[in-house]
């Protein structure tokens, strides 16, 4: 089984798991945000797994994950603009009281993802610290 097949299978399993976890979401705005965060997480994992040697390096898959990560991180502010709530939401209300900081943290993820060199596992690994740091920075402030 080649790496693309394995990646497809893993993606389907992850998406299936995410869909089950979101079954209780009532608000469509919150669901859209959760879907966006899942996209960010999934593509970060693709890059991280290659960087860590967990999966075989695949330049095309790495570039696709990078592009998806950039596109999704560029969409964060738009998806969070409306202050919607839901019992399963993980977003803290501080997002909207500290909006400029939240948007800056999303922009930091976009910048970190944009800076990743996907030409090898080693170059991806060199950029993963900034991606992980930007995720951690935002989640520690704005995720329950």
N, C-alpha and C. Protein backbone atom coordinates (compact mmCIF):
# COMPACT_ATOMS: atom_id res chain seq x y z
N UNK A 1 0.86 -1.18 0.00
CA UNK A 1 0.00 0.00 0.00
C UNK A 1 0.90 1.24 0.00
N UNK A 2 0.69 2.15 -0.96
CA UNK A 2 1.55 3.33 -1.04
C UNK A 2 1.11 4.40 -0.03
N UNK A 3 1.94 5.42 0.09
CA UNK A 3 1.71 6.46 1.09
C UNK A 3 0.41 7.24 0.83
N UNK A 4 0.08 7.46 -0.45
CA UNK A 4 -1.15 8.19 -0.74
C UNK A 4 -2.38 7.38 -0.33
N UNK A 5 -2.34 6.09 -0.55
CA UNK A 5 -3.45 5.23 -0.14
C UNK A 5 -3.58 5.23 1.38
N UNK A 6 -2.45 5.09 2.05
CA UNK A 6 -2.46 5.12 3.52
C UNK A 6 -3.00 6.46 4.02
N UNK A 7 -2.56 7.54 3.39
CA UNK A 7 -3.02 8.87 3.79
C UNK A 7 -4.51 9.04 3.59
N UNK A 8 -5.02 8.51 2.47
CA UNK A 8 -6.45 8.59 2.21
C UNK A 8 -7.24 7.82 3.25
N UNK A 9 -6.77 6.64 3.58
CA UNK A 9 -7.45 5.82 4.59
C UNK A 9 -7.43 6.54 5.95
N UNK A 10 -6.26 7.07 6.31
CA UNK A 10 -6.15 7.79 7.59
C UNK A 10 -7.07 9.00 7.61
N UNK A 11 -7.14 9.72 6.49
CA UNK A 11 -8.01 10.90 6.42
C UNK A 11 -9.47 10.52 6.59
N UNK A 12 -9.88 9.43 5.94
CA UNK A 12 -11.27 8.99 6.07
C UNK A 12 -11.59 8.59 7.50
N UNK A 13 -10.67 7.92 8.16
CA UNK A 13 -10.88 7.53 9.56
C UNK A 13 -10.98 8.78 10.42
N UNK A 14 -10.06 9.74 10.21
CA UNK A 14 -10.10 10.98 11.00
C UNK A 14 -11.38 11.76 10.76
N UNK A 15 -11.76 11.91 9.51
CA UNK A 15 -12.97 12.65 9.19
C UNK A 15 -14.19 11.95 9.78
N UNK A 16 -14.22 10.64 9.71
CA UNK A 16 -15.32 9.89 10.31
C UNK A 16 -15.39 10.10 11.80
N UNK A 17 -14.25 10.09 12.46
CA UNK A 17 -14.20 10.33 13.90
C UNK A 17 -14.63 11.73 14.26
N UNK A 18 -14.20 12.70 13.46
CA UNK A 18 -14.58 14.09 13.69
C UNK A 18 -16.08 14.25 13.50
N UNK A 19 -16.63 13.62 12.47
CA UNK A 19 -18.08 13.72 12.23
C UNK A 19 -18.86 13.17 13.41
N UNK A 20 -18.41 12.06 13.97
CA UNK A 20 -19.09 11.50 15.13
C UNK A 20 -18.98 12.43 16.33
N UNK A 21 -17.83 13.04 16.52
CA UNK A 21 -17.63 13.93 17.66
C UNK A 21 -18.50 15.18 17.55
N UNK A 22 -18.87 15.56 16.33
CA UNK A 22 -19.65 16.77 16.13
C UNK A 22 -21.14 16.51 16.01
N UNK A 23 -21.57 15.30 16.23
CA UNK A 23 -22.99 14.97 16.10
C UNK A 23 -23.88 15.87 16.95
N UNK A 24 -23.41 16.25 18.11
CA UNK A 24 -24.23 17.04 19.01
C UNK A 24 -24.24 18.53 18.71
N UNK A 25 -23.51 18.98 17.72
CA UNK A 25 -23.45 20.41 17.41
C UNK A 25 -24.77 20.84 16.80
N UNK A 26 -25.37 21.86 17.40
CA UNK A 26 -26.65 22.39 16.92
C UNK A 26 -26.46 23.61 16.02
N UNK A 27 -25.54 24.47 16.36
CA UNK A 27 -25.37 25.72 15.65
C UNK A 27 -24.49 25.53 14.41
N UNK A 28 -25.00 25.88 13.23
CA UNK A 28 -24.22 25.68 12.00
C UNK A 28 -22.94 26.52 11.95
N UNK A 29 -22.94 27.67 12.60
CA UNK A 29 -21.74 28.50 12.64
C UNK A 29 -20.64 27.81 13.45
N UNK A 30 -21.03 27.23 14.57
CA UNK A 30 -20.07 26.50 15.41
C UNK A 30 -19.56 25.27 14.67
N UNK A 31 -20.45 24.57 13.99
CA UNK A 31 -20.03 23.39 13.23
C UNK A 31 -19.02 23.77 12.15
N UNK A 32 -19.27 24.86 11.46
CA UNK A 32 -18.33 25.32 10.43
C UNK A 32 -16.97 25.64 11.02
N UNK A 33 -16.96 26.25 12.22
CA UNK A 33 -15.68 26.53 12.89
C UNK A 33 -14.98 25.24 13.27
N UNK A 34 -15.74 24.29 13.80
CA UNK A 34 -15.14 23.01 14.20
C UNK A 34 -14.58 22.27 12.98
N UNK A 35 -15.30 22.32 11.87
CA UNK A 35 -14.82 21.70 10.64
C UNK A 35 -13.51 22.36 10.18
N UNK A 36 -13.45 23.68 10.28
CA UNK A 36 -12.24 24.40 9.89
C UNK A 36 -11.06 23.99 10.78
N UNK A 37 -11.30 23.93 12.08
CA UNK A 37 -10.23 23.53 13.00
C UNK A 37 -9.79 22.08 12.73
N UNK A 38 -10.72 21.23 12.34
CA UNK A 38 -10.38 19.85 11.98
C UNK A 38 -9.48 19.82 10.75
N UNK A 39 -9.78 20.67 9.79
CA UNK A 39 -8.95 20.76 8.58
C UNK A 39 -7.54 21.21 8.94
N UNK A 40 -7.44 22.19 9.81
CA UNK A 40 -6.13 22.67 10.26
C UNK A 40 -5.39 21.54 10.97
N UNK A 41 -6.06 20.86 11.88
CA UNK A 41 -5.42 19.77 12.61
C UNK A 41 -4.98 18.64 11.71
N UNK A 42 -5.83 18.25 10.78
CA UNK A 42 -5.52 17.14 9.90
C UNK A 42 -4.29 17.46 9.04
N UNK A 43 -4.23 18.65 8.49
CA UNK A 43 -3.10 19.01 7.63
C UNK A 43 -1.83 19.25 8.43
N UNK A 44 -1.96 19.73 9.64
CA UNK A 44 -0.79 19.85 10.52
C UNK A 44 -0.24 18.47 10.83
N UNK A 45 -1.13 17.50 11.06
CA UNK A 45 -0.69 16.13 11.32
C UNK A 45 0.02 15.52 10.12
N UNK A 46 -0.48 15.78 8.93
CA UNK A 46 0.17 15.26 7.72
C UNK A 46 1.61 15.75 7.68
N UNK A 47 1.81 17.05 7.87
CA UNK A 47 3.16 17.61 7.85
C UNK A 47 3.99 17.09 9.03
N UNK A 48 3.39 17.07 10.20
CA UNK A 48 4.12 16.61 11.39
C UNK A 48 4.53 15.15 11.30
N UNK A 49 3.66 14.32 10.75
CA UNK A 49 4.00 12.90 10.60
C UNK A 49 5.16 12.71 9.64
N UNK A 50 5.19 13.49 8.57
CA UNK A 50 6.32 13.41 7.64
C UNK A 50 7.59 13.93 8.31
N UNK A 51 7.48 15.04 9.00
CA UNK A 51 8.63 15.64 9.66
C UNK A 51 9.22 14.71 10.71
N UNK A 52 8.36 13.97 11.38
CA UNK A 52 8.82 13.08 12.44
C UNK A 52 9.16 11.67 11.97
N UNK A 53 9.03 11.41 10.68
CA UNK A 53 9.34 10.10 10.15
C UNK A 53 8.26 9.06 10.40
N UNK A 54 7.12 9.49 10.88
CA UNK A 54 6.01 8.57 11.14
C UNK A 54 5.41 8.06 9.83
N UNK A 55 5.42 8.93 8.81
CA UNK A 55 5.01 8.54 7.47
C UNK A 55 6.14 8.91 6.51
N UNK A 56 6.14 8.26 5.38
CA UNK A 56 7.15 8.50 4.36
C UNK A 56 6.96 9.90 3.77
N UNK A 57 8.07 10.58 3.50
CA UNK A 57 8.00 11.90 2.88
C UNK A 57 7.39 11.78 1.49
N UNK A 58 6.46 12.65 1.20
CA UNK A 58 5.81 12.72 -0.10
C UNK A 58 5.66 14.21 -0.42
N UNK A 59 6.46 14.69 -1.37
CA UNK A 59 6.50 16.13 -1.68
C UNK A 59 5.14 16.67 -2.09
N UNK A 60 4.41 15.92 -2.92
CA UNK A 60 3.10 16.39 -3.38
C UNK A 60 2.11 16.46 -2.22
N UNK A 61 2.11 15.46 -1.36
CA UNK A 61 1.20 15.46 -0.21
C UNK A 61 1.57 16.57 0.77
N UNK A 62 2.87 16.81 0.94
CA UNK A 62 3.32 17.87 1.84
C UNK A 62 2.89 19.23 1.33
N UNK A 63 3.06 19.44 0.03
CA UNK A 63 2.67 20.73 -0.55
C UNK A 63 1.16 20.92 -0.48
N UNK A 64 0.41 19.85 -0.70
CA UNK A 64 -1.06 19.93 -0.60
C UNK A 64 -1.49 20.24 0.83
N UNK A 65 -0.86 19.61 1.81
CA UNK A 65 -1.18 19.88 3.21
C UNK A 65 -0.83 21.32 3.58
N UNK A 66 0.31 21.79 3.10
CA UNK A 66 0.71 23.18 3.35
C UNK A 66 -0.32 24.14 2.77
N UNK A 67 -0.72 23.92 1.52
CA UNK A 67 -1.70 24.79 0.86
C UNK A 67 -3.03 24.78 1.61
N UNK A 68 -3.47 23.60 2.03
CA UNK A 68 -4.74 23.49 2.77
C UNK A 68 -4.64 24.19 4.12
N UNK A 69 -3.49 24.07 4.76
CA UNK A 69 -3.27 24.72 6.06
C UNK A 69 -3.29 26.24 5.92
N UNK A 70 -2.66 26.74 4.88
CA UNK A 70 -2.65 28.19 4.63
C UNK A 70 -4.08 28.68 4.35
N UNK A 71 -4.79 27.97 3.47
CA UNK A 71 -6.16 28.37 3.13
C UNK A 71 -7.06 28.35 4.36
N UNK A 72 -6.97 27.31 5.15
CA UNK A 72 -7.82 27.21 6.34
C UNK A 72 -7.47 28.28 7.36
N UNK A 73 -6.19 28.51 7.59
CA UNK A 73 -5.81 29.52 8.58
C UNK A 73 -6.21 30.92 8.12
N UNK A 74 -6.23 31.14 6.83
CA UNK A 74 -6.71 32.42 6.29
C UNK A 74 -8.21 32.61 6.51
N UNK A 75 -8.93 31.54 6.76
CA UNK A 75 -10.38 31.58 6.92
C UNK A 75 -10.82 31.67 8.39
N UNK A 76 -9.87 31.61 9.31
CA UNK A 76 -10.22 31.58 10.74
C UNK A 76 -11.03 32.81 11.15
N UNK A 77 -10.56 33.99 10.83
CA UNK A 77 -11.26 35.20 11.28
C UNK A 77 -12.70 35.24 10.74
N UNK A 78 -12.88 34.87 9.49
CA UNK A 78 -14.22 34.88 8.90
C UNK A 78 -15.14 33.88 9.60
N UNK A 79 -14.62 32.72 9.94
CA UNK A 79 -15.45 31.68 10.58
C UNK A 79 -15.80 32.04 12.02
N UNK A 80 -14.97 32.85 12.67
CA UNK A 80 -15.21 33.20 14.07
C UNK A 80 -15.83 34.58 14.24
N UNK A 81 -16.07 35.28 13.14
CA UNK A 81 -16.58 36.64 13.24
C UNK A 81 -17.89 36.72 14.02
N UNK A 82 -18.77 35.78 13.78
CA UNK A 82 -20.05 35.73 14.50
C UNK A 82 -19.83 35.01 15.82
N UNK A 83 -20.27 35.62 16.91
CA UNK A 83 -20.12 35.02 18.24
C UNK A 83 -21.26 34.05 18.48
N UNK A 84 -21.14 32.88 17.90
CA UNK A 84 -22.15 31.83 18.08
C UNK A 84 -21.72 30.90 19.20
N UNK A 85 -22.71 30.32 19.88
CA UNK A 85 -22.40 29.39 20.96
C UNK A 85 -23.14 28.08 20.73
N UNK A 86 -22.66 27.06 21.37
CA UNK A 86 -23.24 25.73 21.29
C UNK A 86 -22.72 24.96 22.50
N UNK A 87 -23.51 24.03 23.05
CA UNK A 87 -23.04 23.29 24.22
C UNK A 87 -21.72 22.54 24.00
N UNK A 88 -21.40 22.17 22.77
CA UNK A 88 -20.15 21.44 22.52
C UNK A 88 -19.04 22.35 22.01
N UNK A 89 -19.29 23.65 21.92
CA UNK A 89 -18.28 24.58 21.43
C UNK A 89 -17.09 24.63 22.37
N UNK A 90 -15.91 24.75 21.80
CA UNK A 90 -14.69 24.83 22.60
C UNK A 90 -14.08 26.23 22.58
N UNK A 91 -14.73 27.16 21.91
CA UNK A 91 -14.23 28.52 21.80
C UNK A 91 -14.59 29.32 23.05
N UNK A 92 -13.59 29.97 23.61
CA UNK A 92 -13.82 30.83 24.77
C UNK A 92 -14.39 32.17 24.32
N UNK A 93 -15.22 32.80 25.15
CA UNK A 93 -15.78 34.11 24.79
C UNK A 93 -14.71 35.19 24.65
N UNK A 94 -13.53 34.96 25.19
CA UNK A 94 -12.44 35.93 25.08
C UNK A 94 -12.03 36.18 23.63
N UNK A 95 -12.37 35.26 22.74
CA UNK A 95 -12.07 35.48 21.31
C UNK A 95 -12.65 36.82 20.88
N UNK A 96 -13.88 37.09 21.26
CA UNK A 96 -14.57 38.28 20.78
C UNK A 96 -14.24 39.51 21.61
N UNK A 97 -13.80 39.34 22.84
CA UNK A 97 -13.39 40.51 23.63
C UNK A 97 -11.94 40.89 23.35
N UNK A 98 -11.17 39.96 22.79
CA UNK A 98 -9.77 40.20 22.41
C UNK A 98 -9.59 39.93 20.91
N UNK A 99 -10.54 40.40 20.13
CA UNK A 99 -10.60 40.07 18.70
C UNK A 99 -9.29 40.33 17.96
N UNK A 100 -8.68 41.49 18.16
CA UNK A 100 -7.45 41.81 17.42
C UNK A 100 -6.34 40.81 17.73
N UNK A 101 -6.23 40.40 18.99
CA UNK A 101 -5.21 39.42 19.35
C UNK A 101 -5.53 38.06 18.73
N UNK A 102 -6.79 37.68 18.73
CA UNK A 102 -7.20 36.42 18.13
C UNK A 102 -6.86 36.40 16.64
N UNK A 103 -7.19 37.47 15.94
CA UNK A 103 -6.90 37.56 14.51
C UNK A 103 -5.39 37.53 14.27
N UNK A 104 -4.63 38.19 15.14
CA UNK A 104 -3.17 38.18 15.01
C UNK A 104 -2.62 36.76 15.19
N UNK A 105 -3.20 36.00 16.10
CA UNK A 105 -2.76 34.62 16.31
C UNK A 105 -3.09 33.75 15.09
N UNK A 106 -4.23 33.98 14.48
CA UNK A 106 -4.57 33.25 13.25
C UNK A 106 -3.60 33.62 12.14
N UNK A 107 -3.25 34.90 12.05
CA UNK A 107 -2.29 35.35 11.03
C UNK A 107 -0.91 34.74 11.28
N UNK A 108 -0.56 34.53 12.53
CA UNK A 108 0.72 33.91 12.85
C UNK A 108 0.76 32.47 12.33
N UNK A 109 -0.36 31.77 12.41
CA UNK A 109 -0.41 30.41 11.85
C UNK A 109 -0.25 30.46 10.34
N UNK A 110 -0.92 31.40 9.69
CA UNK A 110 -0.78 31.54 8.24
C UNK A 110 0.68 31.81 7.86
N UNK A 111 1.32 32.70 8.60
CA UNK A 111 2.72 33.02 8.32
C UNK A 111 3.63 31.81 8.54
N UNK A 112 3.38 31.08 9.62
CA UNK A 112 4.20 29.90 9.91
C UNK A 112 4.02 28.83 8.84
N UNK A 113 2.79 28.60 8.44
CA UNK A 113 2.52 27.60 7.40
C UNK A 113 3.13 28.04 6.07
N UNK A 114 3.02 29.30 5.75
CA UNK A 114 3.56 29.83 4.50
C UNK A 114 5.08 29.69 4.44
N UNK A 115 5.72 29.75 5.58
CA UNK A 115 7.19 29.70 5.63
C UNK A 115 7.74 28.27 5.53
N UNK A 116 6.90 27.27 5.67
CA UNK A 116 7.39 25.88 5.65
C UNK A 116 7.91 25.52 4.26
N UNK A 117 9.10 24.98 4.24
CA UNK A 117 9.71 24.47 3.01
C UNK A 117 9.36 22.99 2.92
N UNK A 118 8.60 22.61 1.92
CA UNK A 118 8.12 21.23 1.81
C UNK A 118 9.00 20.37 0.91
N UNK A 119 10.25 20.76 0.71
CA UNK A 119 11.12 20.00 -0.20
C UNK A 119 11.69 18.73 0.42
N UNK A 120 11.62 18.59 1.73
CA UNK A 120 12.12 17.37 2.39
C UNK A 120 11.52 17.26 3.78
N UNK A 121 11.62 16.08 4.36
CA UNK A 121 11.14 15.89 5.73
C UNK A 121 11.90 16.79 6.70
N UNK A 122 13.19 16.96 6.46
CA UNK A 122 14.02 17.78 7.35
C UNK A 122 13.60 19.25 7.28
N UNK A 123 13.28 19.75 6.09
CA UNK A 123 12.88 21.15 5.99
C UNK A 123 11.48 21.37 6.57
N UNK A 124 10.63 20.37 6.43
CA UNK A 124 9.31 20.46 7.07
C UNK A 124 9.49 20.49 8.58
N UNK A 125 10.34 19.60 9.08
CA UNK A 125 10.60 19.54 10.52
C UNK A 125 11.08 20.89 11.04
N UNK A 126 11.91 21.57 10.27
CA UNK A 126 12.42 22.87 10.69
C UNK A 126 11.31 23.91 10.87
N UNK A 127 10.21 23.76 10.13
CA UNK A 127 9.12 24.72 10.22
C UNK A 127 8.00 24.32 11.17
N UNK A 128 8.03 23.10 11.65
CA UNK A 128 6.92 22.63 12.49
C UNK A 128 6.86 23.29 13.85
N UNK A 129 7.98 23.73 14.36
CA UNK A 129 7.97 24.40 15.67
C UNK A 129 7.13 25.67 15.65
N UNK A 130 7.26 26.43 14.57
CA UNK A 130 6.48 27.67 14.46
C UNK A 130 4.99 27.38 14.29
N UNK A 131 4.68 26.33 13.53
CA UNK A 131 3.26 25.96 13.37
C UNK A 131 2.69 25.52 14.71
N UNK A 132 3.38 24.60 15.36
CA UNK A 132 2.92 24.11 16.66
C UNK A 132 2.82 25.22 17.69
N UNK A 133 3.79 26.11 17.67
CA UNK A 133 3.78 27.23 18.62
C UNK A 133 2.60 28.15 18.41
N UNK A 134 2.26 28.41 17.14
CA UNK A 134 1.12 29.30 16.89
C UNK A 134 -0.19 28.62 17.28
N UNK A 135 -0.29 27.32 17.05
CA UNK A 135 -1.50 26.59 17.48
C UNK A 135 -1.62 26.63 19.00
N UNK A 136 -0.53 26.32 19.68
CA UNK A 136 -0.52 26.30 21.15
C UNK A 136 -0.86 27.69 21.71
N UNK A 137 -0.27 28.72 21.13
CA UNK A 137 -0.49 30.09 21.59
C UNK A 137 -1.97 30.46 21.54
N UNK A 138 -2.61 30.12 20.43
CA UNK A 138 -4.02 30.45 20.28
C UNK A 138 -4.91 29.56 21.16
N UNK A 139 -4.64 28.27 21.15
CA UNK A 139 -5.47 27.35 21.94
C UNK A 139 -5.36 27.63 23.44
N UNK A 140 -4.18 27.98 23.91
CA UNK A 140 -4.05 28.24 25.35
C UNK A 140 -4.84 29.49 25.76
N UNK A 141 -5.01 30.41 24.86
CA UNK A 141 -5.76 31.63 25.19
C UNK A 141 -7.24 31.53 24.87
N UNK A 142 -7.59 30.78 23.82
CA UNK A 142 -8.95 30.89 23.30
C UNK A 142 -9.73 29.58 23.15
N UNK A 143 -9.20 28.49 23.65
CA UNK A 143 -9.91 27.22 23.55
C UNK A 143 -10.14 26.66 24.95
N UNK A 144 -11.36 26.19 25.18
CA UNK A 144 -11.69 25.60 26.49
C UNK A 144 -11.05 24.24 26.63
